[in-house]
Amino acid sequence: MRDEAWRKRREWAESVTGLRDIDAITEDDRERLVREYDDMQQAVQQAMQAAAPEFARRVREEGREAAEAWMHARMHALGVERGERLRRALSQLSIADQLELDRPAAP
């Protein structure tokens, strides 16, 4: 699992560096995007670790299905929070005026 996370992070960094190499974004933008990705990964890992004891308790007391539903709701809320944070980070990029940040997400 750790190797997969590292591979995805490396691919993200390479993609962002590619955008910088073709002058689509500034160096500050590249650093902001890489930092935001790392912050997101850390937040998810910390949330999973923090939720583990409660998840285990819920499995014992309420059953696996209920515990998984609880975990799904927590991870969904984290995803919404991180999505809002990413939107704010994107709005600070040098190319923000070219991004359609207020457009509804595709289904």
N, C-alpha and C. Protein backbone atom coordinates (compact mmCIF):
# COMPACT_ATOMS: atom_id res chain seq x y z
N MET A 1 0.82 -1.19 0.00
CA MET A 1 0.00 0.00 0.00
C MET A 1 0.87 1.26 0.00
N ARG A 2 1.92 1.25 0.79
CA ARG A 2 2.82 2.40 0.87
C ARG A 2 3.47 2.68 -0.48
N ASP A 3 3.86 1.62 -1.21
CA ASP A 3 4.47 1.79 -2.52
C ASP A 3 3.48 2.42 -3.50
N GLU A 4 2.22 2.02 -3.42
CA GLU A 4 1.18 2.59 -4.29
C GLU A 4 0.98 4.07 -4.00
N ALA A 5 0.96 4.44 -2.74
CA ALA A 5 0.80 5.85 -2.36
C ALA A 5 1.99 6.66 -2.87
N TRP A 6 3.18 6.10 -2.73
CA TRP A 6 4.37 6.80 -3.19
C TRP A 6 4.35 6.96 -4.71
N ARG A 7 3.91 5.92 -5.43
CA ARG A 7 3.84 5.98 -6.89
C ARG A 7 2.87 7.08 -7.33
N LYS A 8 1.71 7.14 -6.68
CA LYS A 8 0.72 8.16 -7.03
C LYS A 8 1.25 9.56 -6.75
N ARG A 9 1.94 9.71 -5.64
CA ARG A 9 2.51 11.01 -5.29
C ARG A 9 3.56 11.42 -6.32
N ARG A 10 4.40 10.48 -6.72
CA ARG A 10 5.43 10.75 -7.72
C ARG A 10 4.80 11.15 -9.05
N GLU A 11 3.75 10.45 -9.46
CA GLU A 11 3.05 10.78 -10.70
C GLU A 11 2.44 12.17 -10.63
N TRP A 12 1.83 12.51 -9.48
CA TRP A 12 1.25 13.84 -9.31
C TRP A 12 2.35 14.91 -9.44
N ALA A 13 3.46 14.71 -8.73
CA ALA A 13 4.55 15.68 -8.77
C ALA A 13 5.11 15.83 -10.18
N GLU A 14 5.23 14.72 -10.90
CA GLU A 14 5.72 14.78 -12.28
C GLU A 14 4.75 15.54 -13.18
N SER A 15 3.45 15.34 -12.97
CA SER A 15 2.45 16.06 -13.76
C SER A 15 2.52 17.55 -13.53
N VAL A 16 2.62 17.93 -12.27
CA VAL A 16 2.69 19.35 -11.92
C VAL A 16 3.99 19.95 -12.42
N THR A 17 5.09 19.20 -12.31
CA THR A 17 6.37 19.69 -12.82
C THR A 17 6.30 19.84 -14.34
N GLY A 18 5.61 18.94 -15.01
CA GLY A 18 5.42 19.06 -16.46
C GLY A 18 4.69 20.34 -16.82
N LEU A 19 3.67 20.69 -16.04
CA LEU A 19 2.96 21.96 -16.28
C LEU A 19 3.91 23.14 -16.10
N ARG A 20 4.79 23.05 -15.12
CA ARG A 20 5.76 24.12 -14.88
C ARG A 20 6.76 24.18 -16.02
N ASP A 21 7.21 23.02 -16.49
CA ASP A 21 8.21 22.97 -17.56
C ASP A 21 7.72 23.62 -18.85
N ILE A 22 6.41 23.57 -19.09
CA ILE A 22 5.87 24.21 -20.31
C ILE A 22 5.33 25.60 -20.01
N ASP A 23 5.67 26.12 -18.84
CA ASP A 23 5.26 27.46 -18.41
C ASP A 23 3.75 27.64 -18.32
N ALA A 24 3.02 26.55 -18.08
CA ALA A 24 1.57 26.66 -17.89
C ALA A 24 1.26 27.19 -16.49
N ILE A 25 2.17 26.95 -15.55
CA ILE A 25 2.04 27.44 -14.18
C ILE A 25 3.39 27.98 -13.73
N THR A 26 3.36 28.77 -12.67
CA THR A 26 4.60 29.31 -12.11
C THR A 26 5.22 28.31 -11.14
N GLU A 27 6.43 28.59 -10.72
CA GLU A 27 7.08 27.75 -9.72
C GLU A 27 6.32 27.81 -8.40
N ASP A 28 5.80 28.98 -8.05
CA ASP A 28 4.98 29.10 -6.83
C ASP A 28 3.73 28.21 -6.94
N ASP A 29 3.11 28.19 -8.13
CA ASP A 29 1.95 27.33 -8.34
C ASP A 29 2.32 25.86 -8.16
N ARG A 30 3.46 25.47 -8.75
CA ARG A 30 3.90 24.08 -8.64
C ARG A 30 4.10 23.70 -7.18
N GLU A 31 4.77 24.56 -6.43
CA GLU A 31 5.00 24.28 -5.03
C GLU A 31 3.69 24.20 -4.25
N ARG A 32 2.76 25.10 -4.54
CA ARG A 32 1.46 25.11 -3.86
C ARG A 32 0.70 23.81 -4.14
N LEU A 33 0.70 23.36 -5.39
CA LEU A 33 -0.03 22.14 -5.75
C LEU A 33 0.59 20.90 -5.13
N VAL A 34 1.90 20.81 -5.13
CA VAL A 34 2.56 19.65 -4.50
C VAL A 34 2.30 19.66 -3.00
N ARG A 35 2.41 20.82 -2.39
CA ARG A 35 2.16 20.94 -0.95
C ARG A 35 0.71 20.58 -0.61
N GLU A 36 -0.23 21.02 -1.44
CA GLU A 36 -1.64 20.70 -1.19
C GLU A 36 -1.89 19.19 -1.29
N TYR A 37 -1.27 18.54 -2.25
CA TYR A 37 -1.40 17.08 -2.39
C TYR A 37 -0.85 16.39 -1.14
N ASP A 38 0.34 16.80 -0.71
CA ASP A 38 0.94 16.19 0.47
C ASP A 38 0.08 16.42 1.71
N ASP A 39 -0.45 17.64 1.85
CA ASP A 39 -1.32 17.94 2.99
C ASP A 39 -2.57 17.07 2.97
N MET A 40 -3.13 16.87 1.77
CA MET A 40 -4.34 16.04 1.66
C MET A 40 -4.04 14.60 2.06
N GLN A 41 -2.94 14.06 1.58
CA GLN A 41 -2.58 12.68 1.91
C GLN A 41 -2.35 12.53 3.42
N GLN A 42 -1.70 13.50 4.01
CA GLN A 42 -1.44 13.45 5.44
C GLN A 42 -2.75 13.54 6.22
N ALA A 43 -3.66 14.40 5.80
CA ALA A 43 -4.94 14.54 6.49
C ALA A 43 -5.75 13.25 6.43
N VAL A 44 -5.75 12.60 5.29
CA VAL A 44 -6.49 11.34 5.15
C VAL A 44 -5.86 10.27 6.04
N GLN A 45 -4.55 10.18 6.03
CA GLN A 45 -3.88 9.17 6.87
C GLN A 45 -4.15 9.43 8.35
N GLN A 46 -4.06 10.67 8.77
CA GLN A 46 -4.32 11.01 10.17
C GLN A 46 -5.77 10.71 10.54
N ALA A 47 -6.69 11.02 9.65
CA ALA A 47 -8.10 10.75 9.93
C ALA A 47 -8.36 9.26 10.06
N MET A 48 -7.75 8.46 9.21
CA MET A 48 -7.91 7.01 9.29
C MET A 48 -7.34 6.47 10.60
N GLN A 49 -6.17 6.94 10.97
CA GLN A 49 -5.56 6.48 12.22
C GLN A 49 -6.40 6.90 13.42
N ALA A 50 -6.90 8.13 13.40
CA ALA A 50 -7.70 8.62 14.52
C ALA A 50 -9.03 7.88 14.62
N ALA A 51 -9.58 7.45 13.49
CA ALA A 51 -10.87 6.78 13.48
C ALA A 51 -10.78 5.29 13.77
N ALA A 52 -9.60 4.71 13.70
CA ALA A 52 -9.44 3.26 13.86
C ALA A 52 -10.02 2.72 15.17
N PRO A 53 -9.73 3.34 16.31
CA PRO A 53 -10.29 2.79 17.56
C PRO A 53 -11.83 2.84 17.58
N GLU A 54 -12.40 3.94 17.10
CA GLU A 54 -13.86 4.06 17.07
C GLU A 54 -14.45 3.07 16.08
N PHE A 55 -13.79 2.86 14.95
CA PHE A 55 -14.25 1.89 13.97
C PHE A 55 -14.27 0.49 14.60
N ALA A 56 -13.21 0.13 15.28
CA ALA A 56 -13.13 -1.18 15.93
C ALA A 56 -14.24 -1.35 16.96
N ARG A 57 -14.48 -0.30 17.75
CA ARG A 57 -15.54 -0.36 18.74
C ARG A 57 -16.89 -0.56 18.06
N ARG A 58 -17.13 0.16 17.00
CA ARG A 58 -18.40 0.04 16.29
C ARG A 58 -18.57 -1.35 15.66
N VAL A 59 -17.50 -1.92 15.17
CA VAL A 59 -17.58 -3.28 14.62
C VAL A 59 -18.03 -4.23 15.71
N ARG A 60 -17.42 -4.12 16.89
CA ARG A 60 -17.76 -5.01 18.01
C ARG A 60 -19.21 -4.80 18.47
N GLU A 61 -19.61 -3.55 18.61
CA GLU A 61 -20.91 -3.25 19.21
C GLU A 61 -22.07 -3.16 18.23
N GLU A 62 -21.80 -2.76 16.99
CA GLU A 62 -22.88 -2.53 16.04
C GLU A 62 -22.80 -3.40 14.79
N GLY A 63 -21.66 -4.05 14.60
CA GLY A 63 -21.47 -4.88 13.41
C GLY A 63 -20.68 -4.15 12.34
N ARG A 64 -20.08 -4.95 11.47
CA ARG A 64 -19.20 -4.40 10.42
C ARG A 64 -19.94 -3.46 9.48
N GLU A 65 -21.14 -3.82 9.08
CA GLU A 65 -21.88 -2.98 8.12
C GLU A 65 -22.11 -1.57 8.69
N ALA A 66 -22.54 -1.49 9.93
CA ALA A 66 -22.78 -0.18 10.56
C ALA A 66 -21.47 0.59 10.72
N ALA A 67 -20.41 -0.11 11.09
CA ALA A 67 -19.11 0.54 11.26
C ALA A 67 -18.60 1.08 9.93
N GLU A 68 -18.78 0.30 8.88
CA GLU A 68 -18.34 0.76 7.56
C GLU A 68 -19.17 1.95 7.08
N ALA A 69 -20.46 1.96 7.37
CA ALA A 69 -21.30 3.11 7.02
C ALA A 69 -20.82 4.36 7.76
N TRP A 70 -20.49 4.20 9.03
CA TRP A 70 -19.98 5.32 9.82
C TRP A 70 -18.67 5.83 9.22
N MET A 71 -17.76 4.91 8.88
CA MET A 71 -16.47 5.29 8.30
C MET A 71 -16.68 5.97 6.95
N HIS A 72 -17.58 5.45 6.16
CA HIS A 72 -17.87 6.05 4.86
C HIS A 72 -18.33 7.50 5.03
N ALA A 73 -19.20 7.74 5.98
CA ALA A 73 -19.69 9.10 6.23
C ALA A 73 -18.55 10.02 6.67
N ARG A 74 -17.67 9.52 7.51
CA ARG A 74 -16.52 10.33 7.96
C ARG A 74 -15.59 10.66 6.80
N MET A 75 -15.32 9.67 5.96
CA MET A 75 -14.43 9.89 4.84
C MET A 75 -15.07 10.82 3.79
N HIS A 76 -16.39 10.71 3.63
CA HIS A 76 -17.09 11.62 2.72
C HIS A 76 -16.96 13.06 3.22
N ALA A 77 -17.18 13.27 4.50
CA ALA A 77 -17.06 14.61 5.08
C ALA A 77 -15.63 15.15 4.90
N LEU A 78 -14.64 14.29 5.10
CA LEU A 78 -13.26 14.70 4.90
C LEU A 78 -13.02 15.06 3.44
N GLY A 79 -13.58 14.28 2.53
CA GLY A 79 -13.44 14.58 1.10
C GLY A 79 -14.04 15.92 0.74
N VAL A 80 -15.21 16.22 1.28
CA VAL A 80 -15.85 17.52 1.03
C VAL A 80 -14.96 18.64 1.57
N GLU A 81 -14.48 18.47 2.77
CA GLU A 81 -13.61 19.49 3.39
C GLU A 81 -12.35 19.71 2.56
N ARG A 82 -11.71 18.61 2.15
CA ARG A 82 -10.47 18.73 1.38
C ARG A 82 -10.76 19.31 -0.01
N GLY A 83 -11.91 18.99 -0.58
CA GLY A 83 -12.29 19.56 -1.87
C GLY A 83 -12.44 21.07 -1.79
N GLU A 84 -13.05 21.55 -0.72
CA GLU A 84 -13.18 22.99 -0.52
C GLU A 84 -11.82 23.64 -0.34
N ARG A 85 -10.94 22.96 0.38
CA ARG A 85 -9.58 23.49 0.57
C ARG A 85 -8.84 23.55 -0.77
N LEU A 86 -9.00 22.51 -1.58
CA LEU A 86 -8.35 22.49 -2.89
C LEU A 86 -8.89 23.62 -3.78
N ARG A 87 -10.18 23.84 -3.74
CA ARG A 87 -10.78 24.93 -4.52
C ARG A 87 -10.15 26.28 -4.11
N ARG A 88 -9.96 26.48 -2.81
CA ARG A 88 -9.32 27.71 -2.34
C ARG A 88 -7.88 27.79 -2.85
N ALA A 89 -7.16 26.67 -2.79
CA ALA A 89 -5.77 26.66 -3.27
C ALA A 89 -5.71 26.96 -4.77
N LEU A 90 -6.62 26.38 -5.53
CA LEU A 90 -6.65 26.62 -6.97
C LEU A 90 -6.97 28.07 -7.28
N SER A 91 -7.80 28.68 -6.46
CA SER A 91 -8.16 30.08 -6.71
C SER A 91 -6.98 31.02 -6.49
N GLN A 92 -5.91 30.53 -5.86
CA GLN A 92 -4.73 31.34 -5.62
C GLN A 92 -3.64 31.13 -6.66
N LEU A 93 -3.86 30.24 -7.62
CA LEU A 93 -2.86 30.00 -8.66
C LEU A 93 -2.80 31.19 -9.62
N SER A 94 -1.67 31.34 -10.27
CA SER A 94 -1.49 32.42 -11.23
C SER A 94 -2.46 32.29 -12.40
N ILE A 95 -2.95 31.11 -12.67
CA ILE A 95 -3.87 30.88 -13.78
C ILE A 95 -5.32 30.78 -13.32
N ALA A 96 -5.60 31.20 -12.10
CA ALA A 96 -6.94 31.03 -11.53
C ALA A 96 -8.02 31.65 -12.39
N ASP A 97 -7.73 32.78 -13.03
CA ASP A 97 -8.75 33.42 -13.85
C ASP A 97 -9.09 32.60 -15.09
N GLN A 98 -8.26 31.62 -15.43
CA GLN A 98 -8.52 30.75 -16.58
C GLN A 98 -9.24 29.46 -16.17
N LEU A 99 -9.31 29.20 -14.88
CA LEU A 99 -9.97 27.99 -14.39
C LEU A 99 -11.45 28.27 -14.17
N GLU A 100 -12.27 27.28 -14.38
CA GLU A 100 -13.70 27.43 -14.17
C GLU A 100 -14.06 26.84 -12.81
N LEU A 101 -13.64 27.52 -11.75
CA LEU A 101 -13.80 27.00 -10.40
C LEU A 101 -15.24 27.02 -9.92
N ASP A 102 -16.06 27.87 -10.49
CA ASP A 102 -17.45 27.97 -10.04
C ASP A 102 -18.39 27.10 -10.85
N ARG A 103 -17.86 26.42 -11.84
CA ARG A 103 -18.67 25.52 -12.66
C ARG A 103 -19.06 24.30 -11.85
N PRO A 104 -20.31 23.87 -11.92
CA PRO A 104 -20.71 22.66 -11.20
C PRO A 104 -19.88 21.46 -11.63
N ALA A 105 -19.58 20.61 -10.69
CA ALA A 105 -18.81 19.40 -10.97
C ALA A 105 -19.60 18.48 -11.89
N ALA A 106 -18.89 17.79 -12.77
CA ALA A 106 -19.53 16.83 -13.67
C ALA A 106 -19.98 15.62 -12.84
N PRO A 107 -21.12 15.03 -13.20
CA PRO A 107 -21.62 13.87 -12.45
C PRO A 107 -20.74 12.66 -12.60
